[in-house]
Amino acid sequence: MNSFIELEAIRKVFHEGEHNEFTALRDVSLSFSRGSLTVLSGPSGSGKTSLLTVLGCLSRPTEGRVKVEGELVSNLPEPLLAVVRRRTFGFVFQQFQLIPGLSALTNVVLPAYPTGKPHRVIVDRGLALLSHLSLGRLAHERVERLSGGEQQRVAIARALINDPPVILADEPTANLDSALSSAFLQTARELRDEGRTVILSSHDPRICDAPEIDRRIRLLDGRITP
């Protein structure tokens, strides 16, 4: 399969040139195809989250190149890079990063407004996504009143609102029990089967060793290991 995302010799350094300089990624080269489910595994501090942020164009590499569909994107100015992020990636953050005081539906649709689509179109898609994830009856409930599993599904719906080809999830089961972790894996598999590229970071063996996973990439001290 042709690569959808390519990383070439990625190095990521934080606080470069300062006394607390830290190298999070070292010479990482990877490619990811459409319709694949990949887990990035490794202990805390291994570089999983740094790799996800570089993959998703949330963070620029210190050295190396990021390509999406063969086009170099890591050197784009921020306004153009923001367009790439919005069109290409949906993010599910570890703590979900939902906005308390707002409804599930409002949280889901907020990332879609910069696209310029009509309000009714955006809201209808948000409602459809929540219904698909069995949250239709909770669409107008404030998110802080939802359970952890329900909040995660709201975060997944938000990640899908712009119909991105790539879903990135950082430690998605860190705060979930076994039943909810299994439910998340089922959702991830369904997204993969729709043709999306799904990339997860995790050190949870329930995720890393799951039969749904197509590929496991192990990291240690910022490097890919066997």
Protein backbone atom coordinates (compact mmCIF):
# COMPACT_ATOMS: atom_id res chain seq x y z
CA MET A 1 0.00 0.00 0.00
CA ASN A 2 1.13 3.54 -0.70
CA SER A 3 2.18 5.56 2.34
CA PHE A 4 -0.25 8.22 3.46
CA ILE A 5 2.04 9.74 6.12
CA GLU A 6 5.82 9.57 6.03
CA LEU A 7 8.37 10.58 8.65
CA GLU A 8 11.96 10.92 7.50
CA ALA A 9 14.84 11.01 10.01
CA ILE A 10 12.83 12.84 12.66
CA ARG A 11 14.66 14.36 15.61
CA LYS A 12 12.77 16.33 18.26
CA VAL A 13 14.61 18.38 20.88
CA PHE A 14 12.98 20.40 23.64
CA HIS A 15 14.70 23.44 25.21
CA GLU A 16 17.46 23.25 22.61
CA GLY A 17 20.66 24.95 23.72
CA GLU A 18 19.48 25.36 27.31
CA HIS A 19 20.64 23.60 30.47
CA ASN A 20 17.54 21.38 30.43
CA GLU A 21 17.81 20.33 26.77
CA PHE A 22 16.04 17.04 26.16
CA THR A 23 15.96 14.89 23.01
CA ALA A 24 12.56 13.19 22.76
CA LEU A 25 12.93 11.59 19.31
CA ARG A 26 16.09 10.32 17.64
CA ASP A 27 16.30 9.50 13.92
CA VAL A 28 12.75 8.17 13.59
CA SER A 29 11.68 7.15 10.07
CA LEU A 30 8.23 5.60 9.61
CA SER A 31 5.38 5.39 7.14
CA PHE A 32 1.67 4.77 7.66
CA SER A 33 -0.86 3.53 5.14
CA ARG A 34 -4.56 4.24 4.81
CA GLY A 35 -6.83 1.73 6.48
CA SER A 36 -4.36 0.68 9.17
CA LEU A 37 -4.49 0.47 12.97
CA THR A 38 -1.12 1.09 14.65
CA VAL A 39 -0.11 1.33 18.29
CA LEU A 40 2.98 3.20 19.50
CA SER A 41 4.14 1.43 22.66
CA GLY A 42 6.80 2.02 25.25
CA PRO A 43 7.25 3.18 28.85
CA SER A 44 6.57 6.72 30.02
CA GLY A 45 9.18 9.05 28.55
CA SER A 46 9.90 6.81 25.56
CA GLY A 47 8.70 9.42 23.04
CA LYS A 48 5.20 8.15 22.22
CA THR A 49 3.39 11.44 22.77
CA SER A 50 6.14 13.46 21.08
CA LEU A 51 5.87 11.20 18.06
CA LEU A 52 2.08 11.62 17.95
CA THR A 53 2.35 15.40 18.08
CA VAL A 54 4.88 15.43 15.24
CA LEU A 55 2.71 13.03 13.24
CA GLY A 56 -0.31 15.26 13.72
CA CYS A 57 1.54 18.48 12.87
CA LEU A 58 0.92 19.82 16.38
CA SER A 59 4.68 20.05 16.83
CA ARG A 60 7.44 20.64 14.29
CA PRO A 61 10.46 18.34 14.21
CA THR A 62 13.82 19.84 15.11
CA GLU A 63 15.26 17.90 12.18
CA GLY A 64 13.71 15.70 9.52
CA ARG A 65 10.62 15.88 7.35
CA VAL A 66 6.92 15.05 7.60
CA LYS A 67 4.99 14.27 4.42
CA VAL A 68 1.24 13.83 3.95
CA GLU A 69 0.19 12.18 0.70
CA GLY A 70 3.68 12.80 -0.65
CA GLU A 71 3.60 16.53 0.09
CA LEU A 72 6.14 18.03 2.49
CA VAL A 73 4.18 19.74 5.29
CA SER A 74 6.65 20.15 8.15
CA ASN A 75 8.07 23.37 6.66
CA LEU A 76 4.72 25.07 5.98
CA PRO A 77 3.93 28.38 7.70
CA GLU A 78 1.55 28.00 10.63
CA PRO A 79 -1.63 29.22 8.86
CA LEU A 80 -1.20 26.61 6.12
CA LEU A 81 -0.18 23.94 8.61
CA ALA A 82 -3.39 24.62 10.54
CA VAL A 83 -5.37 23.88 7.38
CA VAL A 84 -3.51 20.58 6.98
CA ARG A 85 -4.27 19.66 10.60
CA ARG A 86 -7.95 20.49 10.26
CA ARG A 87 -8.39 18.54 7.03
CA THR A 88 -6.21 15.55 7.83
CA PHE A 89 -6.24 14.76 11.54
CA GLY A 90 -8.70 14.08 14.33
CA PHE A 91 -7.28 14.04 17.84
CA VAL A 92 -8.42 12.12 20.93
CA PHE A 93 -6.42 13.45 23.87
CA GLN A 94 -5.64 11.47 27.01
CA GLN A 95 -7.76 13.67 29.28
CA PHE A 96 -10.25 14.23 26.43
CA GLN A 97 -9.93 18.05 26.82
CA LEU A 98 -13.66 18.63 26.62
CA ILE A 99 -14.97 22.06 27.66
CA PRO A 100 -17.01 21.85 30.88
CA GLY A 101 -20.24 23.80 30.98
CA LEU A 102 -20.90 23.06 27.31
CA SER A 103 -23.06 20.29 25.94
CA ALA A 104 -21.73 17.16 24.29
CA LEU A 105 -22.99 18.45 20.94
CA THR A 106 -21.32 21.85 21.31
CA ASN A 107 -18.02 20.20 22.20
CA VAL A 108 -18.27 17.99 19.13
CA VAL A 109 -19.07 20.70 16.59
CA LEU A 110 -16.64 23.44 17.69
CA PRO A 111 -13.71 22.25 15.48
CA ALA A 112 -15.95 22.39 12.39
CA TYR A 113 -16.80 26.10 12.44
CA PRO A 114 -13.47 27.27 10.95
CA THR A 115 -14.31 25.22 7.83
CA GLY A 116 -17.03 27.72 6.92
CA LYS A 117 -19.74 25.09 6.48
CA PRO A 118 -23.33 26.15 7.29
CA HIS A 119 -24.33 25.90 10.94
CA ARG A 120 -27.16 23.46 10.21
CA VAL A 121 -24.87 21.13 8.28
CA ILE A 122 -22.35 21.11 11.13
CA VAL A 123 -24.98 20.48 13.80
CA ASP A 124 -26.64 17.70 11.81
CA ARG A 125 -23.28 15.94 11.39
CA GLY A 126 -22.54 16.33 15.10
CA LEU A 127 -25.89 14.80 16.01
CA ALA A 128 -25.35 11.96 13.55
CA LEU A 129 -21.93 11.18 15.02
CA LEU A 130 -23.25 11.18 18.58
CA SER A 131 -26.12 8.92 17.55
CA HIS A 132 -23.70 6.56 15.80
CA LEU A 133 -21.72 6.33 19.05
CA SER A 134 -24.93 5.68 21.07
CA LEU A 135 -24.91 9.17 22.61
CA GLY A 136 -27.83 10.74 20.79
CA ARG A 137 -29.94 11.03 23.93
CA LEU A 138 -27.08 12.83 25.70
CA ALA A 139 -26.34 15.36 22.95
CA HIS A 140 -27.55 18.30 25.02
CA GLU A 141 -26.15 17.08 28.34
CA ARG A 142 -23.23 19.02 29.81
CA VAL A 143 -20.08 16.98 29.39
CA GLU A 144 -19.04 17.05 33.04
CA ARG A 145 -22.20 15.08 33.84
CA LEU A 146 -21.18 12.22 31.56
CA SER A 147 -19.30 9.08 32.56
CA GLY A 148 -15.69 8.52 31.54
CA GLY A 149 -16.68 6.21 28.71
CA GLU A 150 -19.33 8.66 27.48
CA GLN A 151 -16.84 11.52 27.57
CA GLN A 152 -14.41 9.46 25.52
CA ARG A 153 -17.07 8.81 22.88
CA VAL A 154 -17.80 12.55 22.77
CA ALA A 155 -14.07 13.09 22.19
CA ILE A 156 -14.13 10.52 19.37
CA ALA A 157 -17.13 12.24 17.77
CA ARG A 158 -15.30 15.57 18.00
CA ALA A 159 -12.26 13.99 16.33
CA LEU A 160 -14.51 12.84 13.46
CA ILE A 161 -16.49 16.04 12.92
CA ASN A 162 -14.35 17.17 9.97
CA ASP A 163 -14.24 13.64 8.51
CA PRO A 164 -10.43 13.34 8.77
CA PRO A 165 -8.60 10.44 7.15
CA VAL A 166 -6.31 10.08 10.19
CA ILE A 167 -7.27 9.59 13.86
CA LEU A 168 -4.58 10.03 16.54
CA ALA A 169 -5.28 8.97 20.13
CA ASP A 170 -2.90 9.50 23.06
CA GLU A 171 -3.22 6.84 25.81
CA PRO A 172 -6.94 6.46 25.04
CA THR A 173 -7.61 3.79 27.69
CA ALA A 174 -5.45 5.17 30.50
CA ASN A 175 -8.46 5.93 32.71
CA LEU A 176 -10.90 3.28 31.48
CA ASP A 177 -11.81 -0.14 32.82
CA SER A 178 -11.54 -3.34 30.77
CA ALA A 179 -15.05 -3.17 29.33
CA LEU A 180 -14.63 0.42 28.16
CA SER A 181 -11.17 -0.37 26.79
CA SER A 182 -12.67 -3.18 24.72
CA ALA A 183 -15.39 -0.84 23.48
CA PHE A 184 -12.77 1.69 22.42
CA LEU A 185 -10.84 -0.98 20.51
CA GLN A 186 -14.02 -1.95 18.69
CA THR A 187 -14.55 1.69 17.69
CA ALA A 188 -10.92 1.96 16.55
CA ARG A 189 -11.32 -1.15 14.43
CA GLU A 190 -14.48 0.25 12.84
CA LEU A 191 -12.66 3.48 11.99
CA ARG A 192 -9.84 1.44 10.43
CA ASP A 193 -12.34 -0.60 8.46
CA GLU A 194 -13.82 2.63 7.08
CA GLY A 195 -10.40 3.24 5.49
CA ARG A 196 -9.01 5.64 8.08
CA THR A 197 -5.47 5.58 9.43
CA VAL A 198 -5.71 5.09 13.20
CA ILE A 199 -2.61 5.60 15.35
CA LEU A 200 -2.71 5.11 19.12
CA SER A 201 -0.08 5.58 21.80
CA SER A 202 -0.28 3.23 24.76
CA HIS A 203 1.65 1.19 27.29
CA ASP A 204 -1.53 -0.71 28.18
CA PRO A 205 -1.12 -4.42 27.30
CA ARG A 206 -4.89 -4.61 26.68
CA ILE A 207 -4.25 -2.32 23.70
CA CYS A 208 -0.72 -3.28 22.65
CA ASP A 209 -1.44 -7.02 22.51
CA ALA A 210 -4.99 -6.80 21.15
CA PRO A 211 -5.74 -8.82 17.98
CA GLU A 212 -7.33 -5.72 16.42
CA ILE A 213 -3.92 -4.05 16.16
CA ASP A 214 -2.30 -4.35 12.72
CA ARG A 215 1.12 -3.06 13.72
CA ARG A 216 2.99 -2.30 16.93
CA ILE A 217 5.88 0.16 16.96
CA ARG A 218 8.01 0.04 20.10
CA LEU A 219 9.90 3.08 21.35
CA LEU A 220 12.56 3.46 23.99
CA ASP A 221 14.47 6.66 24.77
CA GLY A 222 13.16 8.26 21.60
CA ARG A 223 14.26 5.47 19.27
CA ILE A 224 12.39 2.69 17.50
CA THR A 225 13.32 -0.69 18.97
CA PRO A 226 12.63 -4.27 17.77
